[in-house]
Amino acid sequence: MNVPVLETARLRLRGHTVADFPALKAGWADEAVVRHIGGKPSRPDESWARLLRYRGLWPLLGFGYWAV
């Protein structure tokens, strides 16, 4: 299943790709970011597993997370 893309003049929501990993890894490792979502900083392997889950939800369930 392809992840749908939702787009307006100011926003684009799309499925995650491998190219998103550096930014995802940096965000989940930043204490200032995860403090606001009730988590703890993630190791790179935890962020990689998160990216795989984000992408894998769509073909398995027909819904999931978007990259902004």
C-alpha atoms as a PDB file:
ATOM      1  CA  MET A   1       0.000   0.000   0.000  1.00  0.00           C
ATOM      2  CA  ASN A   2       1.246   3.451  -0.852  1.00  0.00           C
ATOM      3  CA  VAL A   3       0.952   5.997   1.914  1.00  0.00           C
ATOM      4  CA  PRO A   4      -1.438   8.762   0.876  1.00  0.00           C
ATOM      5  CA  VAL A   5      -0.037  12.273   0.610  1.00  0.00           C
ATOM      6  CA  LEU A   6      -2.095  15.137   2.017  1.00  0.00           C
ATOM      7  CA  GLU A   7      -1.034  18.537   0.796  1.00  0.00           C
ATOM      8  CA  THR A   8      -2.178  22.108   1.277  1.00  0.00           C
ATOM      9  CA  ALA A   9      -0.514  25.377   0.360  1.00  0.00           C
ATOM     10  CA  ARG A  10       1.412  25.320   3.656  1.00  0.00           C
ATOM     11  CA  LEU A  11       1.630  21.675   4.714  1.00  0.00           C
ATOM     12  CA  ARG A  12       2.589  18.321   3.237  1.00  0.00           C
ATOM     13  CA  LEU A  13       1.983  15.025   5.043  1.00  0.00           C
ATOM     14  CA  ARG A  14       3.651  11.961   3.492  1.00  0.00           C
ATOM     15  CA  GLY A  15       4.956   8.564   4.439  1.00  0.00           C
ATOM     16  CA  HIS A  16       8.337   8.169   6.095  1.00  0.00           C
ATOM     17  CA  THR A  17      11.367   7.171   4.046  1.00  0.00           C
ATOM     18  CA  VAL A  18      14.904   6.062   4.864  1.00  0.00           C
ATOM     19  CA  ALA A  19      16.000   9.628   4.088  1.00  0.00           C
ATOM     20  CA  ASP A  20      14.029  10.759   7.164  1.00  0.00           C
ATOM     21  CA  PHE A  21      16.177   8.693   9.529  1.00  0.00           C
ATOM     22  CA  PRO A  22      18.827  11.336  10.386  1.00  0.00           C
ATOM     23  CA  ALA A  23      16.186  13.895  11.413  1.00  0.00           C
ATOM     24  CA  LEU A  24      14.074  11.302  13.237  1.00  0.00           C
ATOM     25  CA  LYS A  25      17.151  10.029  15.095  1.00  0.00           C
ATOM     26  CA  ALA A  26      18.180  13.563  16.081  1.00  0.00           C
ATOM     27  CA  GLY A  27      14.697  14.469  17.287  1.00  0.00           C
ATOM     28  CA  TRP A  28      14.223  11.351  19.406  1.00  0.00           C
ATOM     29  CA  ALA A  29      17.706  11.771  20.922  1.00  0.00           C
ATOM     30  CA  ASP A  30      17.045  15.372  22.000  1.00  0.00           C
ATOM     31  CA  GLU A  31      16.038  15.658  25.660  1.00  0.00           C
ATOM     32  CA  ALA A  32      14.263  18.957  24.992  1.00  0.00           C
ATOM     33  CA  VAL A  33      12.009  17.234  22.443  1.00  0.00           C
ATOM     34  CA  VAL A  34      11.170  14.021  24.273  1.00  0.00           C
ATOM     35  CA  ARG A  35      10.522  15.856  27.543  1.00  0.00           C
ATOM     36  CA  HIS A  36       7.301  17.198  25.997  1.00  0.00           C
ATOM     37  CA  ILE A  37       6.023  13.794  24.885  1.00  0.00           C
ATOM     38  CA  GLY A  38       6.677  11.947  28.099  1.00  0.00           C
ATOM     39  CA  GLY A  39       9.579   9.913  26.826  1.00  0.00           C
ATOM     40  CA  LYS A  40      13.269   9.492  27.279  1.00  0.00           C
ATOM     41  CA  PRO A  41      15.945  10.030  24.624  1.00  0.00           C
ATOM     42  CA  SER A  42      16.254   7.120  22.210  1.00  0.00           C
ATOM     43  CA  ARG A  43      19.342   5.290  21.008  1.00  0.00           C
ATOM     44  CA  PRO A  44      19.884   5.160  17.226  1.00  0.00           C
ATOM     45  CA  ASP A  45      18.688   1.537  17.045  1.00  0.00           C
ATOM     46  CA  GLU A  46      15.481   2.475  18.865  1.00  0.00           C
ATOM     47  CA  SER A  47      14.893   5.315  16.413  1.00  0.00           C
ATOM     48  CA  TRP A  48      15.502   2.947  13.488  1.00  0.00           C
ATOM     49  CA  ALA A  49      12.915   0.512  14.883  1.00  0.00           C
ATOM     50  CA  ARG A  50      10.497   3.413  15.279  1.00  0.00           C
ATOM     51  CA  LEU A  51      10.979   4.400  11.617  1.00  0.00           C
ATOM     52  CA  LEU A  52      10.288   0.810  10.533  1.00  0.00           C
ATOM     53  CA  ARG A  53       7.103   0.748  12.613  1.00  0.00           C
ATOM     54  CA  TYR A  54       5.943   4.078  11.192  1.00  0.00           C
ATOM     55  CA  ARG A  55       6.374   2.817   7.640  1.00  0.00           C
ATOM     56  CA  GLY A  56       5.067  -0.686   8.313  1.00  0.00           C
ATOM     57  CA  LEU A  57       1.728   0.355   9.782  1.00  0.00           C
ATOM     58  CA  TRP A  58       0.364   1.553   6.449  1.00  0.00           C
ATOM     59  CA  PRO A  59       0.545  -1.717   4.461  1.00  0.00           C
ATOM     60  CA  LEU A  60      -0.500  -3.811   7.452  1.00  0.00           C
ATOM     61  CA  LEU A  61      -3.365  -1.734   8.824  1.00  0.00           C
ATOM     62  CA  GLY A  62      -4.167   0.878   6.174  1.00  0.00           C
ATOM     63  CA  PHE A  63      -3.311   3.772   8.476  1.00  0.00           C
ATOM     64  CA  GLY A  64      -0.325   5.088  10.379  1.00  0.00           C
ATOM     65  CA  TYR A  65       1.988   8.028  10.948  1.00  0.00           C
ATOM     66  CA  TRP A  66       2.919  10.719   8.475  1.00  0.00           C
ATOM     67  CA  ALA A  67       6.088  12.724   8.142  1.00  0.00           C
ATOM     68  CA  VAL A  68       5.417  16.469   8.208  1.00  0.00           C
END
